[in-house]
Amino acid sequence: MKYVIITPARDEESNITRTIQSVLAQTICPLEWVIVNDGSGDRTGEILDRYARQFCWIRPVHRPDRGARKSGVGVMEAFQDGYRFLRAVDWDFIVKLDGDLSFDPDYFEKCFYHFSREDRLGIGGGMICRMVDGRPVDEGTGGPPFHVRGATKIYRRACWDAIGGIVPMTGWDTIDEMKANMLGWHTYTFREVLLVQHRLTGAADGSWRSSVKCGRADYNTGYHPLFMLLKCAKRIFHVPPFIDGAGLLWGYFGNCLKRLPRVEDRDLITYVRRQQIRRLLCKPSLYSGGQ
């Protein structure tokens, strides 16, 4: 399996070495790894340059500091910069990999085994965990059966070409899966293949901002308003109380009131909403593991 990796990294001095060591130890190494130093204010760039001098297939790209964080969108801008710098052209898979992960030497080997068994598997990736008392524990963020966490996404090239790559907006990591499924591909997480994330999800934004961002992502993806209301109600009792549900509500309906742009593919929005209505009616859908 020939694959390339793109890693957007911002202020990952404490974590990026773990990720690099994990990739270096893989039983199947990538053709090329572009790591985008996204204006870090710490030693991230120095660490990347040091490893690049030792391994010719590691290519650092240094972006200027853009100032404030641009959660979601900033990551995709950095990813697209990395994509433009790719030299390898004969890859079979492209990987979006965060710079705060560690994983076993056979991580990619196990992932590619899944792809080899299913020709229509378009997007996949391992299960994100965190360390608790020295043991990996599922982060427990839930998510529907079709979802693969944005921190570790592996795209089959034919699927990547079919969906047109990644859109540079918050919600990209659901939009890609929805479009892939609409076009007849399958997407899911390999739950027995583990990665450890060393920076808690949403830690850079805080609970409220993270929830608002998720609401805006759902708006961008074209979620049905009724589905969104029920999703917010379900989240009201998450810890901390009310923050998660209220943040989702604010993010989604705030964007609705402002009539902000969302994904431009009308067929995709129709597909997303049809799947959500089927879910509400207890009919087979992407959300129940069927169509």
Protein backbone atom coordinates (compact mmCIF):
# COMPACT_ATOMS: atom_id res chain seq x y z
CA MET A 1 0.00 0.00 0.00
CA LYS A 2 1.47 3.34 -1.06
CA TYR A 3 0.35 6.23 1.10
CA VAL A 4 1.20 9.82 1.95
CA ILE A 5 0.53 11.72 5.17
CA ILE A 6 -0.27 15.38 5.79
CA THR A 7 -0.11 16.66 9.36
CA PRO A 8 -1.16 20.20 10.35
CA ALA A 9 0.64 21.07 13.60
CA ARG A 10 0.39 24.20 15.74
CA ASP A 11 2.16 24.51 19.09
CA GLU A 12 2.68 20.75 19.38
CA GLU A 13 6.16 20.88 20.95
CA SER A 14 5.02 18.54 23.74
CA ASN A 15 3.40 15.99 21.44
CA ILE A 16 4.82 15.99 17.91
CA THR A 17 7.85 13.84 18.76
CA ARG A 18 5.54 11.01 19.85
CA THR A 19 3.72 11.18 16.53
CA ILE A 20 6.95 11.25 14.53
CA GLN A 21 8.38 8.29 16.44
CA SER A 22 5.15 6.37 15.87
CA VAL A 23 5.30 6.91 12.10
CA LEU A 24 9.02 6.08 11.94
CA ALA A 25 8.30 2.74 13.63
CA GLN A 26 5.57 1.68 11.18
CA THR A 27 5.82 -1.68 9.45
CA ILE A 28 4.61 0.10 6.29
CA CYS A 29 6.25 3.52 5.92
CA PRO A 30 4.73 6.36 3.86
CA LEU A 31 6.06 7.55 0.52
CA GLU A 32 6.07 11.09 1.88
CA TRP A 33 5.04 12.93 5.02
CA VAL A 34 4.35 16.65 4.80
CA ILE A 35 4.14 18.24 8.27
CA VAL A 36 2.81 21.79 8.25
CA ASN A 37 4.11 23.97 11.07
CA ASP A 38 1.09 26.27 11.25
CA GLY A 39 2.68 29.38 12.75
CA SER A 40 3.68 27.72 16.02
CA GLY A 41 5.01 29.91 18.81
CA ASP A 42 7.00 27.10 20.41
CA ARG A 43 9.74 24.71 19.19
CA THR A 44 7.50 22.68 16.87
CA GLY A 45 9.29 23.98 13.77
CA GLU A 46 12.75 23.18 15.16
CA ILE A 47 11.70 19.60 15.93
CA LEU A 48 10.35 19.11 12.40
CA ASP A 49 13.52 20.47 10.80
CA ARG A 50 15.68 18.17 12.90
CA TYR A 51 13.82 15.05 11.77
CA ALA A 52 13.67 16.25 8.15
CA ARG A 53 17.47 16.34 8.08
CA GLN A 54 17.51 12.65 9.01
CA PHE A 55 14.67 11.35 6.83
CA CYS A 56 14.28 12.56 3.25
CA TRP A 57 10.59 11.61 3.09
CA ILE A 58 9.69 13.98 5.94
CA ARG A 59 9.01 17.45 4.55
CA PRO A 60 8.29 20.37 6.89
CA VAL A 61 6.32 23.34 5.60
CA HIS A 62 6.47 26.49 7.72
CA ARG A 63 3.52 28.89 7.65
CA PRO A 64 3.68 32.37 9.22
CA ASP A 65 1.84 32.96 12.48
CA ARG A 66 -1.73 33.99 11.63
CA GLY A 67 -2.30 35.31 15.14
CA ALA A 68 -5.51 34.05 16.76
CA ARG A 69 -6.58 30.44 16.37
CA LYS A 70 -8.95 29.66 13.49
CA SER A 71 -10.42 26.48 14.89
CA GLY A 72 -11.40 23.98 12.21
CA VAL A 73 -10.87 26.30 9.25
CA GLY A 74 -7.25 27.01 10.19
CA VAL A 75 -6.46 23.30 10.30
CA MET A 76 -7.87 22.80 6.81
CA GLU A 77 -5.98 25.79 5.43
CA ALA A 78 -2.78 24.25 6.79
CA PHE A 79 -3.73 20.85 5.38
CA GLN A 80 -4.34 22.30 1.93
CA ASP A 81 -0.98 24.06 2.07
CA GLY A 82 0.59 20.69 2.79
CA TYR A 83 -1.32 19.08 -0.07
CA ARG A 84 0.08 21.64 -2.49
CA PHE A 85 3.62 20.75 -1.38
CA LEU A 86 3.20 17.00 -1.97
CA ARG A 87 5.72 15.65 -4.45
CA ALA A 88 4.58 12.02 -4.56
CA VAL A 89 2.00 11.39 -7.28
CA ASP A 90 1.55 7.61 -7.32
CA TRP A 91 -0.08 7.21 -3.91
CA ASP A 92 -3.05 4.91 -3.23
CA PHE A 93 -4.11 6.51 0.06
CA ILE A 94 -3.82 9.95 1.61
CA VAL A 95 -3.84 10.37 5.39
CA LYS A 96 -4.79 13.38 7.48
CA LEU A 97 -3.01 12.83 10.79
CA ASP A 98 -2.89 15.14 13.80
CA GLY A 99 0.38 15.93 15.56
CA ASP A 100 -0.68 14.85 19.06
CA LEU A 101 -1.16 11.11 18.48
CA SER A 102 0.82 7.97 19.26
CA PHE A 103 0.09 4.46 18.01
CA ASP A 104 1.54 0.98 17.58
CA PRO A 105 4.03 0.07 14.81
CA ASP A 106 1.38 -1.94 12.94
CA TYR A 107 -1.26 0.82 12.99
CA PHE A 108 -1.28 1.49 9.25
CA GLU A 109 -0.81 -2.20 8.42
CA LYS A 110 -3.99 -3.02 10.34
CA CYS A 111 -5.89 -0.13 8.76
CA PHE A 112 -4.89 -1.12 5.24
CA TYR A 113 -6.01 -4.67 5.96
CA HIS A 114 -9.56 -3.32 6.30
CA PHE A 115 -9.25 -1.45 3.01
CA SER A 116 -7.92 -4.55 1.24
CA ARG A 117 -10.98 -6.54 2.30
CA GLU A 118 -13.56 -4.00 1.12
CA ASP A 119 -13.22 -2.29 -2.25
CA ARG A 120 -15.93 0.28 -1.47
CA LEU A 121 -14.38 1.36 1.83
CA GLY A 122 -13.51 4.97 1.05
CA ILE A 123 -12.64 6.56 4.40
CA GLY A 124 -11.42 4.84 7.55
CA GLY A 125 -9.24 5.26 10.61
CA GLY A 126 -8.53 3.96 14.08
CA MET A 127 -10.27 4.55 17.39
CA ILE A 128 -9.07 7.64 19.28
CA CYS A 129 -8.38 6.99 22.98
CA ARG A 130 -6.84 8.87 25.88
CA MET A 131 -4.64 7.52 28.65
CA VAL A 132 -6.30 7.05 32.06
CA ASP A 133 -4.20 5.50 34.83
CA GLY A 134 -1.79 4.18 32.23
CA ARG A 135 -4.47 2.50 30.11
CA PRO A 136 -6.05 3.61 26.79
CA VAL A 137 -9.72 4.53 27.23
CA ASP A 138 -12.20 5.43 24.50
CA GLU A 139 -12.79 9.19 24.67
CA GLY A 140 -16.51 8.47 24.69
CA THR A 141 -17.42 11.26 22.26
CA GLY A 142 -19.95 8.97 20.60
CA GLY A 143 -20.62 9.66 16.96
CA PRO A 144 -22.66 7.81 14.33
CA PRO A 145 -21.45 4.53 12.75
CA PHE A 146 -20.22 6.25 9.58
CA HIS A 147 -17.98 8.73 11.39
CA VAL A 148 -14.17 8.67 11.45
CA ARG A 149 -12.51 11.17 13.77
CA GLY A 150 -10.82 14.06 11.98
CA ALA A 151 -7.57 13.46 13.85
CA THR A 152 -6.90 10.29 11.86
CA LYS A 153 -8.50 9.91 8.44
CA ILE A 154 -7.34 7.59 5.67
CA TYR A 155 -8.83 8.24 2.22
CA ARG A 156 -8.72 5.76 -0.64
CA ARG A 157 -7.58 7.71 -3.68
CA ALA A 158 -10.62 6.88 -5.83
CA CYS A 159 -12.89 8.12 -3.01
CA TRP A 160 -10.75 11.22 -2.47
CA ASP A 161 -11.04 12.10 -6.15
CA ALA A 162 -14.79 11.39 -6.19
CA ILE A 163 -15.59 13.71 -3.27
CA GLY A 164 -13.23 16.41 -4.53
CA GLY A 165 -10.97 16.35 -1.48
CA ILE A 166 -11.69 18.25 1.72
CA VAL A 167 -13.71 21.46 1.89
CA PRO A 168 -12.00 24.27 3.88
CA MET A 169 -14.75 24.92 6.42
CA THR A 170 -15.76 23.83 9.89
CA GLY A 171 -17.56 20.51 9.56
CA TRP A 172 -15.22 19.20 6.87
CA ASP A 173 -14.84 15.89 8.71
CA THR A 174 -18.56 15.12 8.39
CA ILE A 175 -19.09 16.67 4.96
CA ASP A 176 -16.47 14.35 3.45
CA GLU A 177 -18.12 11.24 4.93
CA MET A 178 -21.63 12.26 3.95
CA LYS A 179 -20.57 12.94 0.38
CA ALA A 180 -18.64 9.68 0.20
CA ASN A 181 -21.69 7.71 1.36
CA MET A 182 -23.94 9.61 -1.02
CA LEU A 183 -21.65 8.48 -3.85
CA GLY A 184 -21.76 4.84 -2.79
CA TRP A 185 -18.65 4.58 -0.61
CA HIS A 186 -18.51 3.22 2.94
CA THR A 187 -16.92 5.03 5.88
CA TYR A 188 -16.33 3.81 9.43
CA THR A 189 -13.90 3.61 12.34
CA PHE A 190 -11.79 0.51 12.99
CA ARG A 191 -12.65 0.19 16.64
CA GLU A 192 -10.04 -2.46 17.44
CA VAL A 193 -7.18 -0.33 16.03
CA LEU A 194 -6.23 2.19 18.72
CA LEU A 195 -4.46 5.54 18.78
CA VAL A 196 -3.79 7.66 21.86
CA GLN A 197 -4.50 11.38 21.67
CA HIS A 198 -2.35 13.35 24.09
CA ARG A 199 -4.21 16.64 23.85
CA LEU A 200 -7.83 16.36 25.00
CA THR A 201 -10.32 17.06 22.20
CA GLY A 202 -11.49 20.66 22.36
CA ALA A 203 -8.85 21.55 24.96
CA ALA A 204 -7.56 24.48 22.92
CA ASP A 205 -11.05 25.99 22.63
CA GLY A 206 -12.73 25.20 25.96
CA SER A 207 -16.11 23.46 26.46
CA TRP A 208 -18.35 26.35 25.36
CA ARG A 209 -16.38 27.32 22.27
CA SER A 210 -15.97 23.69 21.28
CA SER A 211 -19.74 23.13 21.46
CA VAL A 212 -20.47 26.30 19.49
CA LYS A 213 -17.96 25.18 16.86
CA CYS A 214 -19.74 21.83 16.58
CA GLY A 215 -23.08 23.60 16.12
CA ARG A 216 -21.62 25.72 13.34
CA ALA A 217 -20.15 22.59 11.76
CA ASP A 218 -23.59 20.96 11.76
CA TYR A 219 -25.02 24.08 10.10
CA ASN A 220 -22.31 23.98 7.43
CA THR A 221 -23.05 20.32 6.76
CA GLY A 222 -26.74 21.07 6.18
CA TYR A 223 -28.29 19.37 9.21
CA HIS A 224 -32.09 19.37 9.41
CA PRO A 225 -33.38 21.89 12.02
CA LEU A 226 -35.62 19.31 13.73
CA PHE A 227 -32.78 16.80 13.96
CA MET A 228 -30.59 19.55 15.40
CA LEU A 229 -33.15 20.53 18.05
CA LEU A 230 -33.38 16.95 19.27
CA LYS A 231 -29.60 16.62 19.25
CA CYS A 232 -29.30 19.75 21.42
CA ALA A 233 -31.96 18.50 23.83
CA LYS A 234 -30.11 15.21 24.20
CA ARG A 235 -26.87 17.03 25.04
CA ILE A 236 -28.40 19.25 27.74
CA PHE A 237 -27.51 16.76 30.46
CA HIS A 238 -23.91 16.21 29.37
CA VAL A 239 -21.19 17.32 31.78
CA PRO A 240 -20.87 20.23 32.36
CA PRO A 241 -24.69 20.58 32.47
CA PHE A 242 -26.36 22.66 29.72
CA ILE A 243 -23.07 23.86 28.21
CA ASP A 244 -22.88 21.28 25.42
CA GLY A 245 -26.51 21.50 24.30
CA ALA A 246 -26.68 25.29 24.62
CA GLY A 247 -23.44 25.71 22.68
CA LEU A 248 -24.69 23.49 19.85
CA LEU A 249 -27.95 25.45 19.75
CA TRP A 250 -26.14 28.79 19.67
CA GLY A 251 -23.72 27.72 16.97
CA TYR A 252 -26.30 26.18 14.65
CA PHE A 253 -29.23 28.58 14.93
CA GLY A 254 -26.97 31.62 15.22
CA ASN A 255 -25.62 30.80 11.78
CA CYS A 256 -29.17 30.15 10.55
CA LEU A 257 -30.28 33.63 11.63
CA LYS A 258 -27.25 35.21 9.97
CA ARG A 259 -27.88 33.17 6.79
CA LEU A 260 -24.19 32.38 6.57
CA PRO A 261 -22.84 30.30 3.66
CA ARG A 262 -22.80 26.53 4.09
CA VAL A 263 -21.75 23.64 1.88
CA GLU A 264 -22.82 24.54 -1.67
CA ASP A 265 -23.77 21.03 -2.80
CA ARG A 266 -27.59 21.05 -2.68
CA ASP A 267 -27.77 17.34 -3.48
CA LEU A 268 -25.58 16.66 -0.45
CA ILE A 269 -27.78 18.74 1.87
CA THR A 270 -30.85 16.88 0.58
CA TYR A 271 -29.10 13.57 1.22
CA VAL A 272 -28.01 14.57 4.75
CA ARG A 273 -31.51 15.68 5.72
CA ARG A 274 -33.14 12.60 4.21
CA GLN A 275 -30.85 10.38 6.29
CA GLN A 276 -31.67 12.37 9.42
CA ILE A 277 -35.43 12.20 8.87
CA ARG A 278 -35.14 8.46 8.34
CA ARG A 279 -33.28 8.27 11.64
CA LEU A 280 -36.04 10.19 13.43
CA LEU A 281 -38.63 7.84 11.92
CA CYS A 282 -36.60 4.80 13.11
CA LYS A 283 -35.94 3.70 9.53
CA PRO A 284 -32.61 2.33 8.25
CA SER A 285 -30.14 5.18 7.74
CA LEU A 286 -26.47 6.08 8.01
CA TYR A 287 -27.12 6.81 11.68
CA SER A 288 -28.29 3.26 12.33
CA GLY A 289 -25.56 1.60 10.28
CA GLY A 290 -27.70 1.10 7.19
CA GLN A 291 -29.13 3.03 4.24
